[in-house]
PDB file of N, CA and C in Angstrom:
ATOM      1  N   MET A   1     -10.610  -6.816   8.406  1.00  0.00           N
ATOM      2  CA  MET A   1      -9.573  -5.904   7.350  1.00  0.00           C
ATOM      3  C   MET A   1     -10.652  -5.004   6.658  1.00  0.00           C
ATOM      4  N   LYS A   2     -11.776  -5.650   6.280  1.00  0.00           N
ATOM      5  CA  LYS A   2     -12.705  -4.915   5.487  1.00  0.00           C
ATOM      6  C   LYS A   2     -13.075  -3.630   6.202  1.00  0.00           C
ATOM      7  N   LEU A   3     -13.258  -3.628   7.449  1.00  0.00           N
ATOM      8  CA  LEU A   3     -13.679  -2.629   8.312  1.00  0.00           C
ATOM      9  C   LEU A   3     -12.617  -1.444   8.197  1.00  0.00           C
ATOM     10  N   PHE A   4     -11.444  -2.054   8.444  1.00  0.00           N
ATOM     11  CA  PHE A   4     -10.136  -1.145   8.474  1.00  0.00           C
ATOM     12  C   PHE A   4     -10.085  -0.360   7.015  1.00  0.00           C
ATOM     13  N   ILE A   5     -10.467  -0.953   5.969  1.00  0.00           N
ATOM     14  CA  ILE A   5     -10.357  -0.291   4.672  1.00  0.00           C
ATOM     15  C   ILE A   5     -11.513   0.765   4.622  1.00  0.00           C
ATOM     16  N   GLU A   6     -12.581   0.379   5.099  1.00  0.00           N
ATOM     17  CA  GLU A   6     -13.754   1.435   5.093  1.00  0.00           C
ATOM     18  C   GLU A   6     -13.458   2.509   5.915  1.00  0.00           C
ATOM     19  N   LYS A   7     -12.818   2.460   7.075  1.00  0.00           N
ATOM     20  CA  LYS A   7     -12.428   3.547   7.896  1.00  0.00           C
ATOM     21  C   LYS A   7     -11.271   4.356   7.132  1.00  0.00           C
ATOM     22  N   LEU A   8     -10.499   3.694   6.324  1.00  0.00           N
ATOM     23  CA  LEU A   8      -9.416   4.560   5.646  1.00  0.00           C
ATOM     24  C   LEU A   8     -10.221   5.482   4.594  1.00  0.00           C
ATOM     25  N   VAL A   9     -11.086   4.868   3.942  1.00  0.00           N
ATOM     26  CA  VAL A   9     -12.107   5.612   2.866  1.00  0.00           C
ATOM     27  C   VAL A   9     -12.765   6.906   3.591  1.00  0.00           C
ATOM     28  N   LYS A  10     -13.065   6.595   4.858  1.00  0.00           N
ATOM     29  CA  LYS A  10     -13.714   7.731   5.531  1.00  0.00           C
ATOM     30  C   LYS A  10     -12.868   8.797   5.924  1.00  0.00           C
ATOM     31  N   ASN A  11     -11.627   8.457   6.356  1.00  0.00           N
ATOM     32  CA  ASN A  11     -10.528   9.261   6.777  1.00  0.00           C
ATOM     33  C   ASN A  11      -9.618   9.564   5.669  1.00  0.00           C
ATOM     34  N   LYS A  12     -10.155   9.959   4.580  1.00  0.00           N
ATOM     35  CA  LYS A  12      -9.327  10.187   3.256  1.00  0.00           C
ATOM     36  C   LYS A  12      -8.260  11.466   3.379  1.00  0.00           C
ATOM     37  N   GLY A  13      -8.780  12.443   4.272  1.00  0.00           N
ATOM     38  CA  GLY A  13      -7.934  13.586   4.609  1.00  0.00           C
ATOM     39  C   GLY A  13      -6.574  12.858   5.312  1.00  0.00           C
ATOM     40  N   ILE A  14      -6.887  12.336   6.384  1.00  0.00           N
ATOM     41  CA  ILE A  14      -5.703  11.852   7.317  1.00  0.00           C
ATOM     42  C   ILE A  14      -4.893  10.963   6.114  1.00  0.00           C
ATOM     43  N   PHE A  15      -5.498  10.148   5.515  1.00  0.00           N
ATOM     44  CA  PHE A  15      -4.780   9.176   4.532  1.00  0.00           C
ATOM     45  C   PHE A  15      -3.844  10.012   3.618  1.00  0.00           C
ATOM     46  N   LYS A  16      -4.370  10.991   3.157  1.00  0.00           N
ATOM     47  CA  LYS A  16      -3.508  11.812   2.095  1.00  0.00           C
ATOM     48  C   LYS A  16      -2.352  12.523   2.885  1.00  0.00           C
ATOM     49  N   ILE A  17      -2.599  12.841   4.084  1.00  0.00           N
ATOM     50  CA  ILE A  17      -1.503  13.594   4.977  1.00  0.00           C
ATOM     51  C   ILE A  17      -0.567  12.458   5.296  1.00  0.00           C
ATOM     52  N   ALA A  18      -0.937  11.308   5.656  1.00  0.00           N
ATOM     53  CA  ALA A  18       0.017  10.124   6.177  1.00  0.00           C
ATOM     54  C   ALA A  18       0.975   9.838   4.863  1.00  0.00           C
ATOM     55  N   ASN A  19       1.965   9.325   5.395  1.00  0.00           N
ATOM     56  CA  ASN A  19       3.236   8.977   4.318  1.00  0.00           C
ATOM     57  C   ASN A  19       2.626   7.620   3.820  1.00  0.00           C
ATOM     58  N   PRO A  20       2.526   7.564   2.643  1.00  0.00           N
ATOM     59  CA  PRO A  20       2.057   6.139   1.898  1.00  0.00           C
ATOM     60  C   PRO A  20       3.137   5.107   2.392  1.00  0.00           C
ATOM     61  N   LEU A  21       4.419   5.432   2.313  1.00  0.00           N
ATOM     62  CA  LEU A  21       5.456   4.323   2.433  1.00  0.00           C
ATOM     63  C   LEU A  21       5.294   3.837   3.895  1.00  0.00           C
ATOM     64  N   CYS A  22       4.969   4.644   4.711  1.00  0.00           N
ATOM     65  CA  CYS A  22       4.781   4.260   6.217  1.00  0.00           C
ATOM     66  C   CYS A  22       3.741   3.356   6.366  1.00  0.00           C
ATOM     67  N   PHE A  23       2.516   3.828   5.606  1.00  0.00           N
ATOM     68  CA  PHE A  23       1.380   2.869   5.562  1.00  0.00           C
ATOM     69  C   PHE A  23       1.630   1.639   5.129  1.00  0.00           C
ATOM     70  N   CYS A  24       2.300   1.451   3.923  1.00  0.00           N
ATOM     71  CA  CYS A  24       2.740   0.003   3.370  1.00  0.00           C
ATOM     72  C   CYS A  24       3.507  -0.769   4.404  1.00  0.00           C
ATOM     73  N   VAL A  25       4.584   0.111   5.092  1.00  0.00           N
ATOM     74  CA  VAL A  25       5.302  -0.743   5.992  1.00  0.00           C
ATOM     75  C   VAL A  25       4.395  -1.208   7.158  1.00  0.00           C
ATOM     76  N   LYS A  26       3.372  -0.639   7.628  1.00  0.00           N
ATOM     77  CA  LYS A  26       2.422  -1.026   8.601  1.00  0.00           C
ATOM     78  C   LYS A  26       1.634  -2.277   8.188  1.00  0.00           C
ATOM     79  N   LEU A  27       1.117  -2.222   6.928  1.00  0.00           N
ATOM     80  CA  LEU A  27       0.358  -3.241   6.377  1.00  0.00           C
ATOM     81  C   LEU A  27       1.345  -4.536   6.259  1.00  0.00           C
ATOM     82  N   PHE A  28       2.648  -4.382   5.789  1.00  0.00           N
ATOM     83  CA  PHE A  28       3.359  -5.402   5.721  1.00  0.00           C
ATOM     84  C   PHE A  28       3.740  -6.160   6.982  1.00  0.00           C
ATOM     85  N   LYS A  29       4.035  -5.279   8.077  1.00  0.00           N
ATOM     86  CA  LYS A  29       4.115  -5.849   9.360  1.00  0.00           C
ATOM     87  C   LYS A  29       2.904  -6.628   9.854  1.00  0.00           C
ATOM     88  N   MET A  30       1.741  -5.978   9.493  1.00  0.00           N
ATOM     89  CA  MET A  30       0.477  -6.695   9.986  1.00  0.00           C
ATOM     90  C   MET A  30       0.457  -7.957   9.350  1.00  0.00           C
ATOM     91  N   LYS A  31       0.651  -8.081   8.009  1.00  0.00           N
ATOM     92  CA  LYS A  31       0.632  -9.362   7.216  1.00  0.00           C
ATOM     93  C   LYS A  31       1.652 -10.400   7.793  1.00  0.00           C
ATOM     94  N   LEU A  32       2.867  -9.967   8.268  1.00  0.00           N
ATOM     95  CA  LEU A  32       3.850 -10.906   8.706  1.00  0.00           C
ATOM     96  C   LEU A  32       3.435 -11.354  10.162  1.00  0.00           C
ATOM     97  N   ARG A  33       2.646 -10.540  10.950  1.00  0.00           N
ATOM     98  CA  ARG A  33       2.284 -10.985  12.253  1.00  0.00           C
ATOM     99  C   ARG A  33       1.142 -12.093  11.886  1.00  0.00           C
ATOM    100  N   ASN A  34       0.212 -11.879  10.996  1.00  0.00           N
ATOM    101  CA  ASN A  34      -0.802 -12.847  10.777  1.00  0.00           C
ATOM    102  C   ASN A  34      -0.201 -14.167  10.306  1.00  0.00           C
ATOM    103  N   LEU A  35       0.888 -14.039   9.480  1.00  0.00           N
ATOM    104  CA  LEU A  35       1.617 -15.303   8.928  1.00  0.00           C
ATOM    105  C   LEU A  35       2.156 -16.153  10.074  1.00  0.00           C
ATOM    106  N   ASN A  36       2.666 -15.388  11.024  1.00  0.00           N
ATOM    107  CA  ASN A  36       3.440 -16.011  12.123  1.00  0.00           C
ATOM    108  C   ASN A  36       2.366 -16.723  13.044  1.00  0.00           C
ATOM    109  N   LYS A  37       1.328 -15.941  13.239  1.00  0.00           N
ATOM    110  CA  LYS A  37       0.234 -16.618  14.132  1.00  0.00           C
ATOM    111  C   LYS A  37      -0.387 -17.913  13.521  1.00  0.00           C
ATOM    112  N   ILE A  38      -0.648 -17.776  12.176  1.00  0.00           N
ATOM    113  CA  ILE A  38      -0.996 -18.973  11.386  1.00  0.00           C
ATOM    114  C   ILE A  38      -0.108 -20.265  11.509  1.00  0.00           C
ATOM    115  N   ARG A  39       1.398 -19.823  11.488  1.00  0.00           N
ATOM    116  CA  ARG A  39       2.401 -20.858  11.621  1.00  0.00           C
ATOM    117  C   ARG A  39       2.431 -21.479  13.146  1.00  0.00           C
ATOM    118  N   ILE A  40       2.021 -20.636  14.157  1.00  0.00           N
ATOM    119  CA  ILE A  40       2.039 -21.135  15.478  1.00  0.00           C
ATOM    120  C   ILE A  40       0.827 -21.925  15.666  1.00  0.00           C
ATOM    121  N   ILE A  41      -0.261 -21.529  15.039  1.00  0.00           N
ATOM    122  CA  ILE A  41      -1.470 -22.296  15.252  1.00  0.00           C
ATOM    123  C   ILE A  41      -1.401 -23.709  14.601  1.00  0.00           C
ATOM    124  N   LYS A  42      -0.739 -23.769  13.500  1.00  0.00           N
ATOM    125  CA  LYS A  42      -0.406 -24.965  12.688  1.00  0.00           C
ATOM    126  C   LYS A  42       0.433 -25.965  13.423  1.00  0.00           C
ATOM    127  N   LYS A  43       1.421 -25.311  14.312  1.00  0.00           N
ATOM    128  CA  LYS A  43       2.375 -26.121  15.130  1.00  0.00           C
ATOM    129  C   LYS A  43       1.590 -26.678  16.282  1.00  0.00           C
ATOM    130  N   ILE A  44       0.606 -25.866  16.980  1.00  0.00           N
ATOM    131  CA  ILE A  44       0.022 -26.466  18.029  1.00  0.00           C
ATOM    132  C   ILE A  44      -0.980 -27.529  17.520  1.00  0.00           C
ATOM    133  N   LYS A  45      -1.593 -27.447  16.470  1.00  0.00           N
ATOM    134  CA  LYS A  45      -2.496 -28.318  16.092  1.00  0.00           C
ATOM    135  C   LYS A  45      -1.761 -29.574  15.615  1.00  0.00           C
ATOM    136  N   MET A  46      -0.604 -29.725  15.156  1.00  0.00           N
ATOM    137  CA  MET A  46       0.356 -30.901  14.825  1.00  0.00           C
ATOM    138  C   MET A  46       0.906 -31.247  16.168  1.00  0.00           C
TER     139      MET A  46
END
């Protein structure tokens, strides 16, 4: 995630052009996927 943020800082031009809302949706989807992965891992461990 840290690397991803560093890339964003480097690509500020692209970031400004990109729709901030679209970016937020992408982040939200990534977080949801990570939560689902954690839940699946917990189920497997139990």
